[in-house]
Structures are given as structure tokens and as C-alpha cells.
Amino acid sequence: MPSTDRCARAILDTVPAIVQAIRVEMRLERMHDLSVPQFRTLAYIGRQPGCSLTDVAEFIGLTAPTMSVLINGLVERGLVHRAASLLDRRRVVLNLTDDGAQMHTHALDGTLAWLSGLLAPLVEEERLLVIQAMDLLCPIFSAETTRSAVESEPA
């Protein structure tokens, strides 16, 4: 029976390779001139409409000032709308514009097609194993679960 250490090692060995391959593919294809952080930012805002700059920065792993520059560029390109919150005027909320949603969808579709091509050699049983593994891992690594685990760690 595989140990949790072996599972952890498999994740640490595999996930960076997957992420790097996606980055390389996006750079090669220049998905609508979106960088990987811009793509991930659009994806996050699309999943979390009304989020704050800090929310996005924490998820993407950038500092707030760096994320501010990235968001400014997306706002200037007409892909993200930035506005004061209706509930708290001190809070700025982010939403995708129609163009931002369309660009994200197009880049996502291209990335999905590329990934599908990579996975094509897998037989049905292997594809099912990949799906089952992702279904198991997703709730473990969701932002809420990960955040609560970090917050509950002793100082």
C-alpha cells in the first residue's frame, strides 16, 4: 500500500512538470498575447466575480503591487473592470468584461485542445484513473481547504 509520503512525492514530481508544459505551450501559442499569470488572473476573476486585488494576488502568488500592475494592464486592454464595491466603498472589486470573458474562454479552449491531444494516447482506463485522481485531489487543494489548513497551523 502506497504511503502518504509516496503520494506527496508523486504530486511534487508531477505537478510542476504539468504546469511548466502548460506555460511553454501558452508561450508558444501566444494565446491572444496573454501571459500565464494574465490567463490565470482572468480565470480566477471569472470564477470569483467581485473578488479583490488581494484575493487574486494571493491565489496567483504575486505581491499586491505586482498584481496591481498586472490588473492595470488588463483594465487598459478592456479585459477587466475595476470598481468600488457597492457594500464597502473602500474595497475595489474586479470583474471580467465581455471581452475578458471571451478572451479567457478562447485561451482556455486552446489549452484544453492541446491537453486533450497530449492525453489521446492514454487508453480509456488510464483516462478514468486521471479523472479519479483529479477528483480526489481537487477538494484537498481547494483554496478554502488549503487556507484553513494553513491558518490552523501552530505559530
C-alpha atoms as a PDB file:
ATOM      1  CA  MET A   1       0.000   0.000   0.000  1.00  0.00           C
ATOM      2  CA  PRO A   2       1.489   3.377  -1.016  1.00  0.00           C
ATOM      3  CA  SER A   3       2.407   5.694   1.851  1.00  0.00           C
ATOM      4  CA  THR A   4       1.294   9.301   2.098  1.00  0.00           C
ATOM      5  CA  ASP A   5       4.960  10.258   1.582  1.00  0.00           C
ATOM      6  CA  ARG A   6       4.980   8.402  -1.745  1.00  0.00           C
ATOM      7  CA  CYS A   7       1.764  10.172  -2.767  1.00  0.00           C
ATOM      8  CA  ALA A   8       3.236  13.529  -1.757  1.00  0.00           C
ATOM      9  CA  ARG A   9       6.419  12.816  -3.745  1.00  0.00           C
ATOM     10  CA  ALA A  10       4.381  11.851  -6.820  1.00  0.00           C
ATOM     11  CA  ILE A  11       2.481  15.143  -6.602  1.00  0.00           C
ATOM     12  CA  LEU A  12       5.670  17.180  -6.117  1.00  0.00           C
ATOM     13  CA  ASP A  13       7.315  15.408  -9.049  1.00  0.00           C
ATOM     14  CA  THR A  14       4.356  15.645 -11.427  1.00  0.00           C
ATOM     15  CA  VAL A  15       2.528  18.925 -10.855  1.00  0.00           C
ATOM     16  CA  PRO A  16       5.489  21.227 -11.650  1.00  0.00           C
ATOM     17  CA  ALA A  17       6.110  19.338 -14.904  1.00  0.00           C
ATOM     18  CA  ILE A  18       2.456  19.741 -15.900  1.00  0.00           C
ATOM     19  CA  VAL A  19       2.424  23.450 -15.041  1.00  0.00           C
ATOM     20  CA  GLN A  20       5.690  24.029 -16.928  1.00  0.00           C
ATOM     21  CA  ALA A  21       4.373  22.219 -20.016  1.00  0.00           C
ATOM     22  CA  ILE A  22       1.245  24.402 -19.974  1.00  0.00           C
ATOM     23  CA  ARG A  23       3.384  27.551 -19.630  1.00  0.00           C
ATOM     24  CA  VAL A  24       5.585  26.521 -22.545  1.00  0.00           C
ATOM     25  CA  GLU A  25       2.565  25.738 -24.726  1.00  0.00           C
ATOM     26  CA  MET A  26       0.907  29.052 -23.901  1.00  0.00           C
ATOM     27  CA  ARG A  27       4.111  30.931 -24.708  1.00  0.00           C
ATOM     28  CA  LEU A  28       4.494  29.061 -27.993  1.00  0.00           C
ATOM     29  CA  GLU A  29       0.895  29.684 -28.977  1.00  0.00           C
ATOM     30  CA  ARG A  30       0.804  33.208 -27.512  1.00  0.00           C
ATOM     31  CA  MET A  31      -2.823  32.696 -26.522  1.00  0.00           C
ATOM     32  CA  HIS A  32      -4.109  36.138 -27.534  1.00  0.00           C
ATOM     33  CA  ASP A  33      -0.930  37.636 -26.150  1.00  0.00           C
ATOM     34  CA  LEU A  34      -1.859  36.554 -22.633  1.00  0.00           C
ATOM     35  CA  SER A  35       0.937  35.633 -20.278  1.00  0.00           C
ATOM     36  CA  VAL A  36       0.313  32.676 -17.984  1.00  0.00           C
ATOM     37  CA  PRO A  37      -0.238  34.987 -14.970  1.00  0.00           C
ATOM     38  CA  GLN A  38      -2.704  37.061 -17.028  1.00  0.00           C
ATOM     39  CA  PHE A  39      -4.538  33.901 -18.115  1.00  0.00           C
ATOM     40  CA  ARG A  40      -4.688  32.633 -14.525  1.00  0.00           C
ATOM     41  CA  THR A  41      -5.861  36.064 -13.350  1.00  0.00           C
ATOM     42  CA  LEU A  42      -8.696  36.112 -15.889  1.00  0.00           C
ATOM     43  CA  ALA A  43      -9.610  32.560 -14.886  1.00  0.00           C
ATOM     44  CA  TYR A  44      -9.680  33.454 -11.184  1.00  0.00           C
ATOM     45  CA  ILE A  45     -11.762  36.593 -11.688  1.00  0.00           C
ATOM     46  CA  GLY A  46     -14.131  34.602 -13.912  1.00  0.00           C
ATOM     47  CA  ARG A  47     -14.602  32.010 -11.154  1.00  0.00           C
ATOM     48  CA  GLN A  48     -14.735  34.614  -8.369  1.00  0.00           C
ATOM     49  CA  PRO A  49     -16.583  37.677  -9.745  1.00  0.00           C
ATOM     50  CA  GLY A  50     -16.331  40.675  -7.454  1.00  0.00           C
ATOM     51  CA  CYS A  51     -13.051  39.490  -5.924  1.00  0.00           C
ATOM     52  CA  SER A  52     -10.425  41.916  -4.670  1.00  0.00           C
ATOM     53  CA  LEU A  53      -6.927  42.513  -5.973  1.00  0.00           C
ATOM     54  CA  THR A  54      -5.579  40.928  -2.775  1.00  0.00           C
ATOM     55  CA  ASP A  55      -7.688  37.796  -3.377  1.00  0.00           C
ATOM     56  CA  VAL A  56      -6.228  37.400  -6.865  1.00  0.00           C
ATOM     57  CA  ALA A  57      -2.665  38.178  -5.744  1.00  0.00           C
ATOM     58  CA  GLU A  58      -2.826  35.527  -3.021  1.00  0.00           C
ATOM     59  CA  PHE A  59      -4.184  32.923  -5.416  1.00  0.00           C
ATOM     60  CA  ILE A  60      -1.697  33.661  -8.213  1.00  0.00           C
ATOM     61  CA  GLY A  61       1.218  34.017  -5.795  1.00  0.00           C
ATOM     62  CA  LEU A  62       2.207  37.584  -6.597  1.00  0.00           C
ATOM     63  CA  THR A  63       2.678  40.572  -4.324  1.00  0.00           C
ATOM     64  CA  ALA A  64      -0.151  43.109  -4.240  1.00  0.00           C
ATOM     65  CA  PRO A  65       1.948  45.784  -6.045  1.00  0.00           C
ATOM     66  CA  THR A  66       2.903  43.330  -8.817  1.00  0.00           C
ATOM     67  CA  MET A  67      -0.705  42.190  -9.150  1.00  0.00           C
ATOM     68  CA  SER A  68      -1.801  45.826  -9.282  1.00  0.00           C
ATOM     69  CA  VAL A  69       0.436  46.384 -12.324  1.00  0.00           C
ATOM     70  CA  LEU A  70      -0.910  43.200 -13.963  1.00  0.00           C
ATOM     71  CA  ILE A  71      -4.534  44.247 -13.274  1.00  0.00           C
ATOM     72  CA  ASN A  72      -3.850  47.762 -14.604  1.00  0.00           C
ATOM     73  CA  GLY A  73      -2.695  46.221 -17.875  1.00  0.00           C
ATOM     74  CA  LEU A  74      -5.813  44.044 -18.107  1.00  0.00           C
ATOM     75  CA  VAL A  75      -8.021  47.064 -17.336  1.00  0.00           C
ATOM     76  CA  GLU A  76      -6.248  49.125 -20.029  1.00  0.00           C
ATOM     77  CA  ARG A  77      -6.830  46.298 -22.530  1.00  0.00           C
ATOM     78  CA  GLY A  78     -10.522  46.284 -21.646  1.00  0.00           C
ATOM     79  CA  LEU A  79     -10.442  42.747 -20.220  1.00  0.00           C
ATOM     80  CA  VAL A  80     -11.125  43.543 -16.554  1.00  0.00           C
ATOM     81  CA  HIS A  81     -13.462  46.085 -14.968  1.00  0.00           C
ATOM     82  CA  ARG A  82     -12.375  47.602 -11.657  1.00  0.00           C
ATOM     83  CA  ALA A  83     -14.950  49.388  -9.487  1.00  0.00           C
ATOM     84  CA  ALA A  84     -15.619  50.382  -5.897  1.00  0.00           C
ATOM     85  CA  SER A  85     -17.697  47.842  -4.000  1.00  0.00           C
ATOM     86  CA  LEU A  86     -21.325  48.790  -3.510  1.00  0.00           C
ATOM     87  CA  LEU A  87     -21.143  47.396   0.042  1.00  0.00           C
ATOM     88  CA  ASP A  88     -17.822  48.945   1.086  1.00  0.00           C
ATOM     89  CA  ARG A  89     -16.616  51.933  -0.954  1.00  0.00           C
ATOM     90  CA  ARG A  90     -13.054  51.381   0.325  1.00  0.00           C
ATOM     91  CA  ARG A  91     -12.943  47.962  -1.343  1.00  0.00           C
ATOM     92  CA  VAL A  92     -12.252  47.625  -5.068  1.00  0.00           C
ATOM     93  CA  VAL A  93     -13.890  44.694  -6.845  1.00  0.00           C
ATOM     94  CA  LEU A  94     -12.798  43.063 -10.087  1.00  0.00           C
ATOM     95  CA  ASN A  95     -14.949  41.547 -12.816  1.00  0.00           C
ATOM     96  CA  LEU A  96     -14.302  40.348 -16.339  1.00  0.00           C
ATOM     97  CA  THR A  97     -15.592  42.463 -19.173  1.00  0.00           C
ATOM     98  CA  ASP A  98     -17.322  40.695 -22.055  1.00  0.00           C
ATOM     99  CA  ASP A  99     -14.033  40.901 -23.989  1.00  0.00           C
ATOM    100  CA  GLY A 100     -12.144  39.488 -20.990  1.00  0.00           C
ATOM    101  CA  ALA A 101     -14.552  36.571 -20.655  1.00  0.00           C
ATOM    102  CA  GLN A 102     -14.348  35.890 -24.388  1.00  0.00           C
ATOM    103  CA  MET A 103     -10.535  36.022 -24.419  1.00  0.00           C
ATOM    104  CA  HIS A 104     -10.311  33.719 -21.407  1.00  0.00           C
ATOM    105  CA  THR A 105     -12.730  31.242 -22.999  1.00  0.00           C
ATOM    106  CA  HIS A 106     -10.751  31.220 -26.243  1.00  0.00           C
ATOM    107  CA  ALA A 107      -7.407  30.718 -24.463  1.00  0.00           C
ATOM    108  CA  LEU A 108      -8.948  28.012 -22.262  1.00  0.00           C
ATOM    109  CA  ASP A 109     -10.384  26.207 -25.290  1.00  0.00           C
ATOM    110  CA  GLY A 110      -6.967  26.228 -26.967  1.00  0.00           C
ATOM    111  CA  THR A 111      -5.260  24.909 -23.847  1.00  0.00           C
ATOM    112  CA  LEU A 112      -7.906  22.201 -23.402  1.00  0.00           C
ATOM    113  CA  ALA A 113      -7.481  21.096 -27.025  1.00  0.00           C
ATOM    114  CA  TRP A 114      -3.713  20.866 -26.559  1.00  0.00           C
ATOM    115  CA  LEU A 115      -4.062  18.896 -23.304  1.00  0.00           C
ATOM    116  CA  SER A 116      -6.599  16.578 -24.932  1.00  0.00           C
ATOM    117  CA  GLY A 117      -4.075  15.868 -27.660  1.00  0.00           C
ATOM    118  CA  LEU A 118      -1.419  15.009 -25.086  1.00  0.00           C
ATOM    119  CA  LEU A 119      -3.794  12.642 -23.302  1.00  0.00           C
ATOM    120  CA  ALA A 120      -5.014  10.973 -26.512  1.00  0.00           C
ATOM    121  CA  PRO A 121      -2.536   8.045 -26.278  1.00  0.00           C
ATOM    122  CA  LEU A 122      -3.991   7.005 -22.906  1.00  0.00           C
ATOM    123  CA  VAL A 123      -6.474   4.157 -23.053  1.00  0.00           C
ATOM    124  CA  GLU A 124      -9.921   4.629 -21.531  1.00  0.00           C
ATOM    125  CA  GLU A 125      -8.976   3.024 -18.205  1.00  0.00           C
ATOM    126  CA  GLU A 126      -5.944   5.299 -17.850  1.00  0.00           C
ATOM    127  CA  ARG A 127      -8.013   8.395 -18.636  1.00  0.00           C
ATOM    128  CA  LEU A 128     -10.506   7.294 -15.987  1.00  0.00           C
ATOM    129  CA  LEU A 129      -7.654   6.966 -13.468  1.00  0.00           C
ATOM    130  CA  VAL A 130      -6.506  10.520 -14.258  1.00  0.00           C
ATOM    131  CA  ILE A 131     -10.042  11.833 -13.756  1.00  0.00           C
ATOM    132  CA  GLN A 132     -10.442   9.910 -10.499  1.00  0.00           C
ATOM    133  CA  ALA A 133      -7.114  11.220  -9.205  1.00  0.00           C
ATOM    134  CA  MET A 134      -8.077  14.810 -10.046  1.00  0.00           C
ATOM    135  CA  ASP A 135     -11.479  14.313  -8.379  1.00  0.00           C
ATOM    136  CA  LEU A 136      -9.684  13.118  -5.231  1.00  0.00           C
ATOM    137  CA  LEU A 137      -7.111  15.918  -5.214  1.00  0.00           C
ATOM    138  CA  CYS A 138      -9.320  18.873  -6.089  1.00  0.00           C
ATOM    139  CA  PRO A 139     -11.107  19.181  -2.735  1.00  0.00           C
ATOM    140  CA  ILE A 140      -7.859  18.645  -0.841  1.00  0.00           C
ATOM    141  CA  PHE A 141      -6.178  21.534  -2.630  1.00  0.00           C
ATOM    142  CA  SER A 142      -9.093  23.937  -2.966  1.00  0.00           C
ATOM    143  CA  ALA A 143      -8.256  27.481  -1.866  1.00  0.00           C
ATOM    144  CA  GLU A 144     -10.623  27.323   1.101  1.00  0.00           C
ATOM    145  CA  THR A 145      -9.286  23.981   2.373  1.00  0.00           C
ATOM    146  CA  THR A 146      -5.655  24.989   1.907  1.00  0.00           C
ATOM    147  CA  ARG A 147      -6.204  28.372   3.554  1.00  0.00           C
ATOM    148  CA  SER A 148      -7.948  26.873   6.599  1.00  0.00           C
ATOM    149  CA  ALA A 149      -5.181  24.275   6.999  1.00  0.00           C
ATOM    150  CA  VAL A 150      -2.510  26.995   6.938  1.00  0.00           C
ATOM    151  CA  GLU A 151      -4.452  29.196   9.359  1.00  0.00           C
ATOM    152  CA  SER A 152      -4.854  26.324  11.828  1.00  0.00           C
ATOM    153  CA  GLU A 153      -1.107  25.568  11.949  1.00  0.00           C
ATOM    154  CA  PRO A 154       0.535  26.499  15.246  1.00  0.00           C
ATOM    155  CA  ALA A 155       2.775  29.571  15.064  1.00  0.00           C
END
